[in-house]
PDB file of N, CA and C in Angstrom:
ATOM      1  N   UNK A   1     -74.626 -28.947 -30.218  1.00  0.00           N
ATOM      2  CA  UNK A   1     -74.230 -29.354 -29.146  1.00  0.00           C
ATOM      3  C   UNK A   1     -74.798 -31.111 -30.071  1.00  0.00           C
ATOM      4  N   UNK A   2     -74.128 -32.405 -29.697  1.00  0.00           N
ATOM      5  CA  UNK A   2     -74.281 -33.059 -29.758  1.00  0.00           C
ATOM      6  C   UNK A   2     -75.113 -33.475 -29.604  1.00  0.00           C
ATOM      7  N   UNK A   3     -75.420 -34.680 -30.245  1.00  0.00           N
ATOM      8  CA  UNK A   3     -76.961 -35.995 -30.004  1.00  0.00           C
ATOM      9  C   UNK A   3     -76.948 -35.848 -28.227  1.00  0.00           C
ATOM     10  N   UNK A   4     -75.743 -36.898 -28.261  1.00  0.00           N
ATOM     11  CA  UNK A   4     -75.851 -37.441 -26.578  1.00  0.00           C
ATOM     12  C   UNK A   4     -75.480 -36.151 -25.883  1.00  0.00           C
ATOM     13  N   UNK A   5     -75.362 -34.824 -26.006  1.00  0.00           N
ATOM     14  CA  UNK A   5     -75.379 -33.897 -25.017  1.00  0.00           C
ATOM     15  C   UNK A   5     -76.701 -33.560 -24.997  1.00  0.00           C
ATOM     16  N   UNK A   6     -77.530 -33.334 -26.192  1.00  0.00           N
ATOM     17  CA  UNK A   6     -79.034 -33.364 -26.318  1.00  0.00           C
ATOM     18  C   UNK A   6     -79.966 -34.177 -25.112  1.00  0.00           C
ATOM     19  N   UNK A   7     -79.543 -35.546 -25.581  1.00  0.00           N
ATOM     20  CA  UNK A   7     -80.283 -36.154 -25.055  1.00  0.00           C
ATOM     21  C   UNK A   7     -80.449 -36.542 -23.430  1.00  0.00           C
ATOM     22  N   UNK A   8     -78.654 -36.361 -23.094  1.00  0.00           N
ATOM     23  CA  UNK A   8     -78.608 -36.338 -21.599  1.00  0.00           C
ATOM     24  C   UNK A   8     -79.218 -34.792 -21.160  1.00  0.00           C
ATOM     25  N   UNK A   9     -79.202 -33.673 -22.104  1.00  0.00           N
ATOM     26  CA  UNK A   9     -79.830 -32.735 -21.106  1.00  0.00           C
ATOM     27  C   UNK A   9     -81.382 -32.652 -20.784  1.00  0.00           C
ATOM     28  N   UNK A  10     -82.286 -33.171 -22.044  1.00  0.00           N
ATOM     29  CA  UNK A  10     -83.460 -34.101 -21.952  1.00  0.00           C
ATOM     30  C   UNK A  10     -83.541 -34.528 -21.008  1.00  0.00           C
ATOM     31  N   UNK A  11     -83.183 -35.442 -20.494  1.00  0.00           N
ATOM     32  CA  UNK A  11     -83.033 -36.069 -19.116  1.00  0.00           C
ATOM     33  C   UNK A  11     -82.708 -35.620 -17.765  1.00  0.00           C
ATOM     34  N   UNK A  12     -81.932 -34.418 -18.058  1.00  0.00           N
ATOM     35  CA  UNK A  12     -81.855 -33.662 -16.657  1.00  0.00           C
ATOM     36  C   UNK A  12     -83.020 -32.771 -16.696  1.00  0.00           C
ATOM     37  N   UNK A  13     -83.086 -31.954 -17.901  1.00  0.00           N
ATOM     38  CA  UNK A  13     -84.452 -31.703 -17.410  1.00  0.00           C
ATOM     39  C   UNK A  13     -85.682 -32.054 -17.199  1.00  0.00           C
ATOM     40  N   UNK A  14     -85.950 -33.599 -17.640  1.00  0.00           N
ATOM     41  CA  UNK A  14     -87.217 -34.054 -17.074  1.00  0.00           C
ATOM     42  C   UNK A  14     -86.695 -34.296 -15.504  1.00  0.00           C
ATOM     43  N   UNK A  15     -85.918 -35.090 -15.092  1.00  0.00           N
ATOM     44  CA  UNK A  15     -85.160 -34.750 -13.460  1.00  0.00           C
ATOM     45  C   UNK A  15     -85.871 -33.689 -12.592  1.00  0.00           C
ATOM     46  N   UNK A  16     -85.399 -32.760 -12.851  1.00  0.00           N
ATOM     47  CA  UNK A  16     -85.607 -31.429 -12.338  1.00  0.00           C
ATOM     48  C   UNK A  16     -86.672 -30.605 -12.364  1.00  0.00           C
ATOM     49  N   UNK A  17     -87.392 -30.771 -13.193  1.00  0.00           N
ATOM     50  CA  UNK A  17     -88.684 -30.493 -13.426  1.00  0.00           C
ATOM     51  C   UNK A  17     -90.022 -31.512 -13.143  1.00  0.00           C
ATOM     52  N   UNK A  18     -89.070 -32.685 -13.022  1.00  0.00           N
ATOM     53  CA  UNK A  18     -90.567 -33.346 -12.390  1.00  0.00           C
ATOM     54  C   UNK A  18     -90.980 -34.290 -11.234  1.00  0.00           C
ATOM     55  N   UNK A  19     -88.950 -34.345 -10.545  1.00  0.00           N
ATOM     56  CA  UNK A  19     -88.787 -35.055  -9.199  1.00  0.00           C
ATOM     57  C   UNK A  19     -87.937 -34.280  -8.827  1.00  0.00           C
ATOM     58  N   UNK A  20     -88.130 -34.693  -7.375  1.00  0.00           N
ATOM     59  CA  UNK A  20     -87.566 -33.490  -6.388  1.00  0.00           C
ATOM     60  C   UNK A  20     -86.095 -33.920  -5.866  1.00  0.00           C
ATOM     61  N   UNK A  21     -85.156 -35.046  -6.312  1.00  0.00           N
ATOM     62  CA  UNK A  21     -83.831 -35.524  -6.525  1.00  0.00           C
ATOM     63  C   UNK A  21     -83.804 -36.653  -7.495  1.00  0.00           C
ATOM     64  N   UNK A  22     -82.769 -36.790  -8.484  1.00  0.00           N
ATOM     65  CA  UNK A  22     -82.441 -38.307  -8.897  1.00  0.00           C
ATOM     66  C   UNK A  22     -83.035 -39.431  -8.278  1.00  0.00           C
ATOM     67  N   UNK A  23     -82.690 -39.753  -6.784  1.00  0.00           N
ATOM     68  CA  UNK A  23     -82.821 -40.818  -6.257  1.00  0.00           C
ATOM     69  C   UNK A  23     -84.371 -40.805  -6.600  1.00  0.00           C
ATOM     70  N   UNK A  24     -85.480 -39.829  -6.127  1.00  0.00           N
ATOM     71  CA  UNK A  24     -86.790 -39.943  -6.887  1.00  0.00           C
ATOM     72  C   UNK A  24     -86.945 -40.457  -8.074  1.00  0.00           C
ATOM     73  N   UNK A  25     -86.366 -40.365  -9.074  1.00  0.00           N
ATOM     74  CA  UNK A  25     -86.785 -40.375 -10.590  1.00  0.00           C
ATOM     75  C   UNK A  25     -86.133 -41.687 -10.747  1.00  0.00           C
ATOM     76  N   UNK A  26     -85.002 -42.152  -9.929  1.00  0.00           N
ATOM     77  CA  UNK A  26     -84.929 -43.192 -10.357  1.00  0.00           C
ATOM     78  C   UNK A  26     -85.995 -44.474  -9.813  1.00  0.00           C
ATOM     79  N   UNK A  27     -86.169 -44.134  -8.131  1.00  0.00           N
ATOM     80  CA  UNK A  27     -87.131 -44.844  -7.896  1.00  0.00           C
ATOM     81  C   UNK A  27     -88.629 -44.959  -8.347  1.00  0.00           C
ATOM     82  N   UNK A  28     -88.609 -44.078  -9.187  1.00  0.00           N
ATOM     83  CA  UNK A  28     -90.086 -44.084  -9.600  1.00  0.00           C
ATOM     84  C   UNK A  28     -89.804 -44.497 -11.292  1.00  0.00           C
ATOM     85  N   UNK A  29     -89.096 -44.448 -11.781  1.00  0.00           N
ATOM     86  CA  UNK A  29     -88.908 -45.611 -13.012  1.00  0.00           C
ATOM     87  C   UNK A  29     -88.358 -46.670 -13.092  1.00  0.00           C
ATOM     88  N   UNK A  30     -87.868 -47.361 -12.068  1.00  0.00           N
ATOM     89  CA  UNK A  30     -87.567 -48.908 -11.345  1.00  0.00           C
ATOM     90  C   UNK A  30     -89.255 -49.000 -10.821  1.00  0.00           C
ATOM     91  N   UNK A  31     -89.716 -49.446 -12.084  1.00  0.00           N
ATOM     92  CA  UNK A  31     -91.197 -50.328 -11.679  1.00  0.00           C
ATOM     93  C   UNK A  31     -91.206 -51.563 -10.983  1.00  0.00           C
ATOM     94  N   UNK A  32     -90.434 -52.473 -11.270  1.00  0.00           N
ATOM     95  CA  UNK A  32     -90.365 -53.571 -10.434  1.00  0.00           C
ATOM     96  C   UNK A  32     -90.143 -53.419  -9.240  1.00  0.00           C
ATOM     97  N   UNK A  33     -89.055 -52.040  -8.788  1.00  0.00           N
ATOM     98  CA  UNK A  33     -88.379 -51.522  -7.739  1.00  0.00           C
ATOM     99  C   UNK A  33     -87.300 -53.307  -7.361  1.00  0.00           C
ATOM    100  N   UNK A  34     -86.662 -53.272  -8.318  1.00  0.00           N
ATOM    101  CA  UNK A  34     -85.298 -54.577  -8.080  1.00  0.00           C
ATOM    102  C   UNK A  34     -83.970 -53.723  -7.862  1.00  0.00           C
ATOM    103  N   UNK A  35     -84.088 -52.371  -7.693  1.00  0.00           N
ATOM    104  CA  UNK A  35     -82.603 -51.677  -7.848  1.00  0.00           C
ATOM    105  C   UNK A  35     -81.973 -51.356  -8.488  1.00  0.00           C
ATOM    106  N   UNK A  36     -82.683 -51.665  -9.941  1.00  0.00           N
ATOM    107  CA  UNK A  36     -81.830 -51.485 -11.357  1.00  0.00           C
ATOM    108  C   UNK A  36     -83.141 -51.158 -12.124  1.00  0.00           C
ATOM    109  N   UNK A  37     -82.749 -50.451 -13.289  1.00  0.00           N
ATOM    110  CA  UNK A  37     -83.295 -49.796 -14.499  1.00  0.00           C
ATOM    111  C   UNK A  37     -83.012 -50.899 -15.436  1.00  0.00           C
ATOM    112  N   UNK A  38     -84.146 -51.812 -15.879  1.00  0.00           N
ATOM    113  CA  UNK A  38     -84.112 -52.601 -17.325  1.00  0.00           C
ATOM    114  C   UNK A  38     -84.062 -51.574 -18.586  1.00  0.00           C
ATOM    115  N   UNK A  39     -83.853 -52.353 -19.842  1.00  0.00           N
ATOM    116  CA  UNK A  39     -84.147 -52.106 -20.831  1.00  0.00           C
ATOM    117  C   UNK A  39     -85.466 -50.863 -20.901  1.00  0.00           C
ATOM    118  N   UNK A  40     -86.629 -51.623 -20.371  1.00  0.00           N
ATOM    119  CA  UNK A  40     -87.845 -51.356 -20.951  1.00  0.00           C
ATOM    120  C   UNK A  40     -87.780 -49.937 -19.858  1.00  0.00           C
ATOM    121  N   UNK A  41     -87.329 -50.140 -18.806  1.00  0.00           N
ATOM    122  CA  UNK A  41     -87.590 -48.672 -17.925  1.00  0.00           C
ATOM    123  C   UNK A  41     -86.357 -48.052 -18.086  1.00  0.00           C
ATOM    124  N   UNK A  42     -85.712 -47.841 -18.665  1.00  0.00           N
ATOM    125  CA  UNK A  42     -84.666 -46.754 -19.188  1.00  0.00           C
ATOM    126  C   UNK A  42     -85.546 -46.729 -20.762  1.00  0.00           C
ATOM    127  N   UNK A  43     -86.230 -46.987 -21.094  1.00  0.00           N
ATOM    128  CA  UNK A  43     -87.069 -46.748 -22.494  1.00  0.00           C
ATOM    129  C   UNK A  43     -88.347 -45.998 -21.913  1.00  0.00           C
ATOM    130  N   UNK A  44     -88.987 -46.466 -21.152  1.00  0.00           N
ATOM    131  CA  UNK A  44     -89.800 -45.341 -20.120  1.00  0.00           C
ATOM    132  C   UNK A  44     -89.455 -44.301 -20.009  1.00  0.00           C
ATOM    133  N   UNK A  45     -88.060 -44.052 -19.426  1.00  0.00           N
ATOM    134  CA  UNK A  45     -87.804 -42.693 -18.999  1.00  0.00           C
ATOM    135  C   UNK A  45     -87.143 -42.148 -20.237  1.00  0.00           C
ATOM    136  N   UNK A  46     -86.773 -42.370 -21.203  1.00  0.00           N
ATOM    137  CA  UNK A  46     -86.356 -41.593 -22.332  1.00  0.00           C
ATOM    138  C   UNK A  46     -88.228 -41.314 -23.338  1.00  0.00           C
ATOM    139  N   UNK A  47     -88.589 -41.724 -22.607  1.00  0.00           N
ATOM    140  CA  UNK A  47     -90.213 -41.337 -23.785  1.00  0.00           C
ATOM    141  C   UNK A  47     -90.610 -40.215 -22.327  1.00  0.00           C
ATOM    142  N   UNK A  48     -90.711 -40.692 -21.307  1.00  0.00           N
ATOM    143  CA  UNK A  48     -91.138 -39.509 -20.787  1.00  0.00           C
ATOM    144  C   UNK A  48     -89.736 -37.920 -21.019  1.00  0.00           C
ATOM    145  N   UNK A  49     -88.922 -38.485 -21.491  1.00  0.00           N
ATOM    146  CA  UNK A  49     -87.857 -37.119 -21.613  1.00  0.00           C
ATOM    147  C   UNK A  49     -88.497 -36.731 -23.174  1.00  0.00           C
ATOM    148  N   UNK A  50     -88.990 -37.175 -23.750  1.00  0.00           N
ATOM    149  CA  UNK A  50     -89.588 -36.837 -25.236  1.00  0.00           C
ATOM    150  C   UNK A  50     -88.409 -37.170 -25.818  1.00  0.00           C
ATOM    151  N   UNK A  51     -87.950 -38.057 -25.622  1.00  0.00           N
ATOM    152  CA  UNK A  51     -86.640 -38.662 -26.839  1.00  0.00           C
ATOM    153  C   UNK A  51     -87.860 -39.583 -27.884  1.00  0.00           C
ATOM    154  N   UNK A  52     -87.584 -39.260 -29.283  1.00  0.00           N
ATOM    155  CA  UNK A  52     -88.077 -39.557 -29.944  1.00  0.00           C
ATOM    156  C   UNK A  52     -87.835 -41.415 -30.118  1.00  0.00           C
ATOM    157  N   UNK A  53     -89.150 -42.010 -30.355  1.00  0.00           N
ATOM    158  CA  UNK A  53     -89.464 -43.457 -30.545  1.00  0.00           C
ATOM    159  C   UNK A  53     -88.450 -43.784 -31.606  1.00  0.00           C
ATOM    160  N   UNK A  54     -88.089 -42.943 -32.921  1.00  0.00           N
ATOM    161  CA  UNK A  54     -86.901 -43.783 -33.501  1.00  0.00           C
ATOM    162  C   UNK A  54     -85.980 -43.568 -33.045  1.00  0.00           C
ATOM    163  N   UNK A  55     -85.507 -42.769 -32.121  1.00  0.00           N
ATOM    164  CA  UNK A  55     -84.013 -43.341 -31.978  1.00  0.00           C
ATOM    165  C   UNK A  55     -83.684 -43.947 -29.956  1.00  0.00           C
ATOM    166  N   UNK A  56     -84.922 -44.030 -29.623  1.00  0.00           N
ATOM    167  CA  UNK A  56     -85.145 -44.146 -27.891  1.00  0.00           C
ATOM    168  C   UNK A  56     -84.521 -45.672 -28.374  1.00  0.00           C
ATOM    169  N   UNK A  57     -84.886 -46.401 -28.547  1.00  0.00           N
ATOM    170  CA  UNK A  57     -84.276 -48.178 -29.338  1.00  0.00           C
ATOM    171  C   UNK A  57     -82.580 -47.813 -29.006  1.00  0.00           C
ATOM    172  N   UNK A  58     -82.443 -47.500 -29.651  1.00  0.00           N
ATOM    173  CA  UNK A  58     -80.402 -46.967 -30.088  1.00  0.00           C
ATOM    174  C   UNK A  58     -80.108 -46.392 -28.399  1.00  0.00           C
ATOM    175  N   UNK A  59     -80.705 -45.435 -28.186  1.00  0.00           N
ATOM    176  CA  UNK A  59     -79.873 -44.830 -27.058  1.00  0.00           C
ATOM    177  C   UNK A  59     -80.364 -45.694 -25.648  1.00  0.00           C
ATOM    178  N   UNK A  60     -81.435 -46.252 -25.627  1.00  0.00           N
ATOM    179  CA  UNK A  60     -81.599 -47.277 -24.351  1.00  0.00           C
ATOM    180  C   UNK A  60     -80.201 -48.330 -24.334  1.00  0.00           C
ATOM    181  N   UNK A  61     -79.993 -48.793 -25.671  1.00  0.00           N
ATOM    182  CA  UNK A  61     -78.615 -49.474 -25.299  1.00  0.00           C
ATOM    183  C   UNK A  61     -77.753 -49.019 -25.634  1.00  0.00           C
ATOM    184  N   UNK A  62     -77.170 -47.475 -25.793  1.00  0.00           N
ATOM    185  CA  UNK A  62     -75.621 -46.869 -25.875  1.00  0.00           C
ATOM    186  C   UNK A  62     -75.739 -46.670 -24.027  1.00  0.00           C
ATOM    187  N   UNK A  63     -76.925 -46.604 -23.558  1.00  0.00           N
ATOM    188  CA  UNK A  63     -76.583 -45.888 -21.922  1.00  0.00           C
ATOM    189  C   UNK A  63     -76.459 -47.350 -21.249  1.00  0.00           C
ATOM    190  N   UNK A  64     -77.065 -48.351 -21.884  1.00  0.00           N
ATOM    191  CA  UNK A  64     -76.896 -49.352 -20.674  1.00  0.00           C
ATOM    192  C   UNK A  64     -74.958 -49.616 -21.420  1.00  0.00           C
ATOM    193  N   UNK A  65     -74.615 -49.749 -22.499  1.00  0.00           N
ATOM    194  CA  UNK A  65     -73.231 -50.231 -22.856  1.00  0.00           C
ATOM    195  C   UNK A  65     -72.341 -49.445 -22.148  1.00  0.00           C
ATOM    196  N   UNK A  66     -72.647 -47.756 -21.941  1.00  0.00           N
ATOM    197  CA  UNK A  66     -71.946 -46.491 -21.239  1.00  0.00           C
ATOM    198  C   UNK A  66     -71.470 -46.598 -19.832  1.00  0.00           C
ATOM    199  N   UNK A  67     -72.697 -46.777 -19.517  1.00  0.00           N
ATOM    200  CA  UNK A  67     -73.168 -46.692 -17.758  1.00  0.00           C
ATOM    201  C   UNK A  67     -73.217 -48.589 -16.822  1.00  0.00           C
ATOM    202  N   UNK A  68     -73.294 -49.335 -17.544  1.00  0.00           N
ATOM    203  CA  UNK A  68     -73.299 -50.651 -16.867  1.00  0.00           C
ATOM    204  C   UNK A  68     -72.026 -51.212 -16.542  1.00  0.00           C
ATOM    205  N   UNK A  69     -71.769 -50.804 -15.670  1.00  0.00           N
ATOM    206  CA  UNK A  69     -70.365 -51.037 -15.074  1.00  0.00           C
ATOM    207  C   UNK A  69     -70.042 -52.796 -14.708  1.00  0.00           C
ATOM    208  N   UNK A  70     -70.977 -53.147 -13.849  1.00  0.00           N
ATOM    209  CA  UNK A  70     -70.989 -54.763 -13.765  1.00  0.00           C
ATOM    210  C   UNK A  70     -71.412 -55.444 -14.375  1.00  0.00           C
ATOM    211  N   UNK A  71     -71.758 -54.840 -16.142  1.00  0.00           N
ATOM    212  CA  UNK A  71     -71.733 -55.758 -17.247  1.00  0.00           C
ATOM    213  C   UNK A  71     -73.228 -56.572 -16.911  1.00  0.00           C
ATOM    214  N   UNK A  72     -74.258 -56.522 -16.098  1.00  0.00           N
ATOM    215  CA  UNK A  72     -75.452 -57.060 -15.943  1.00  0.00           C
ATOM    216  C   UNK A  72     -76.466 -56.983 -16.667  1.00  0.00           C
ATOM    217  N   UNK A  73     -76.516 -55.827 -18.040  1.00  0.00           N
ATOM    218  CA  UNK A  73     -77.321 -55.364 -18.699  1.00  0.00           C
ATOM    219  C   UNK A  73     -78.292 -54.682 -17.911  1.00  0.00           C
ATOM    220  N   UNK A  74     -78.053 -54.310 -16.801  1.00  0.00           N
ATOM    221  CA  UNK A  74     -79.196 -53.113 -16.274  1.00  0.00           C
ATOM    222  C   UNK A  74     -78.063 -51.924 -15.485  1.00  0.00           C
ATOM    223  N   UNK A  75     -78.767 -51.055 -15.383  1.00  0.00           N
ATOM    224  CA  UNK A  75     -78.546 -49.909 -14.735  1.00  0.00           C
ATOM    225  C   UNK A  75     -78.995 -49.900 -13.053  1.00  0.00           C
ATOM    226  N   UNK A  76     -77.514 -49.982 -12.435  1.00  0.00           N
ATOM    227  CA  UNK A  76     -78.297 -50.180 -10.907  1.00  0.00           C
ATOM    228  C   UNK A  76     -78.088 -48.195 -10.371  1.00  0.00           C
ATOM    229  N   UNK A  77     -78.736 -48.142  -9.017  1.00  0.00           N
ATOM    230  CA  UNK A  77     -78.308 -46.834  -8.350  1.00  0.00           C
ATOM    231  C   UNK A  77     -76.961 -46.235  -8.633  1.00  0.00           C
ATOM    232  N   UNK A  78     -75.775 -46.692  -8.193  1.00  0.00           N
ATOM    233  CA  UNK A  78     -74.769 -46.109  -8.743  1.00  0.00           C
ATOM    234  C   UNK A  78     -74.179 -45.901  -9.955  1.00  0.00           C
ATOM    235  N   UNK A  79     -74.622 -46.893 -11.033  1.00  0.00           N
ATOM    236  CA  UNK A  79     -74.731 -46.410 -12.583  1.00  0.00           C
ATOM    237  C   UNK A  79     -74.819 -45.204 -13.035  1.00  0.00           C
ATOM    238  N   UNK A  80     -76.935 -45.068 -12.671  1.00  0.00           N
ATOM    239  CA  UNK A  80     -77.677 -43.861 -12.489  1.00  0.00           C
ATOM    240  C   UNK A  80     -76.936 -42.876 -12.265  1.00  0.00           C
ATOM    241  N   UNK A  81     -76.657 -42.672 -11.359  1.00  0.00           N
ATOM    242  CA  UNK A  81     -76.135 -41.417 -10.551  1.00  0.00           C
ATOM    243  C   UNK A  81     -74.885 -41.700 -11.071  1.00  0.00           C
ATOM    244  N   UNK A  82     -74.079 -42.028 -11.586  1.00  0.00           N
ATOM    245  CA  UNK A  82     -72.751 -41.879 -12.847  1.00  0.00           C
ATOM    246  C   UNK A  82     -73.194 -41.012 -13.818  1.00  0.00           C
ATOM    247  N   UNK A  83     -74.379 -41.313 -14.475  1.00  0.00           N
ATOM    248  CA  UNK A  83     -74.579 -40.492 -15.361  1.00  0.00           C
ATOM    249  C   UNK A  83     -75.194 -39.549 -15.040  1.00  0.00           C
ATOM    250  N   UNK A  84     -76.345 -39.183 -13.806  1.00  0.00           N
ATOM    251  CA  UNK A  84     -76.613 -38.050 -13.865  1.00  0.00           C
ATOM    252  C   UNK A  84     -75.743 -37.196 -13.200  1.00  0.00           C
ATOM    253  N   UNK A  85     -74.215 -37.183 -12.801  1.00  0.00           N
ATOM    254  CA  UNK A  85     -73.251 -37.232 -12.598  1.00  0.00           C
ATOM    255  C   UNK A  85     -72.324 -35.985 -13.746  1.00  0.00           C
ATOM    256  N   UNK A  86     -72.644 -36.877 -14.548  1.00  0.00           N
ATOM    257  CA  UNK A  86     -71.745 -36.456 -15.828  1.00  0.00           C
ATOM    258  C   UNK A  86     -72.935 -35.584 -16.628  1.00  0.00           C
ATOM    259  N   UNK A  87     -73.946 -35.725 -16.773  1.00  0.00           N
ATOM    260  CA  UNK A  87     -74.651 -35.185 -17.181  1.00  0.00           C
ATOM    261  C   UNK A  87     -74.590 -33.387 -16.402  1.00  0.00           C
ATOM    262  N   UNK A  88     -73.942 -33.009 -15.053  1.00  0.00           N
ATOM    263  CA  UNK A  88     -74.356 -32.034 -14.696  1.00  0.00           C
ATOM    264  C   UNK A  88     -72.590 -31.691 -14.494  1.00  0.00           C
ATOM    265  N   UNK A  89     -71.659 -32.156 -15.296  1.00  0.00           N
ATOM    266  CA  UNK A  89     -70.048 -31.429 -15.480  1.00  0.00           C
ATOM    267  C   UNK A  89     -70.528 -30.430 -16.309  1.00  0.00           C
TER     268      UNK A  89
END
């Protein structure tokens, strides 16, 4: 399993074990309730998913680079859902 697959798997485990739905997980980590996840909010999600602090910053940037389709530097619900859908495949 690649590092990306391992990280995505840990996120999936966190969501399925701690929340009733991906929407609930998104709302939980959207601390300022602006409908988007910032770098800090994504880092908090990764920390909760037990992603090592050494790579958490890199992973946060990679997730934003990979899923931020509108280029605003944030991950909105549709972008988050796309990431979750990829995890499920």
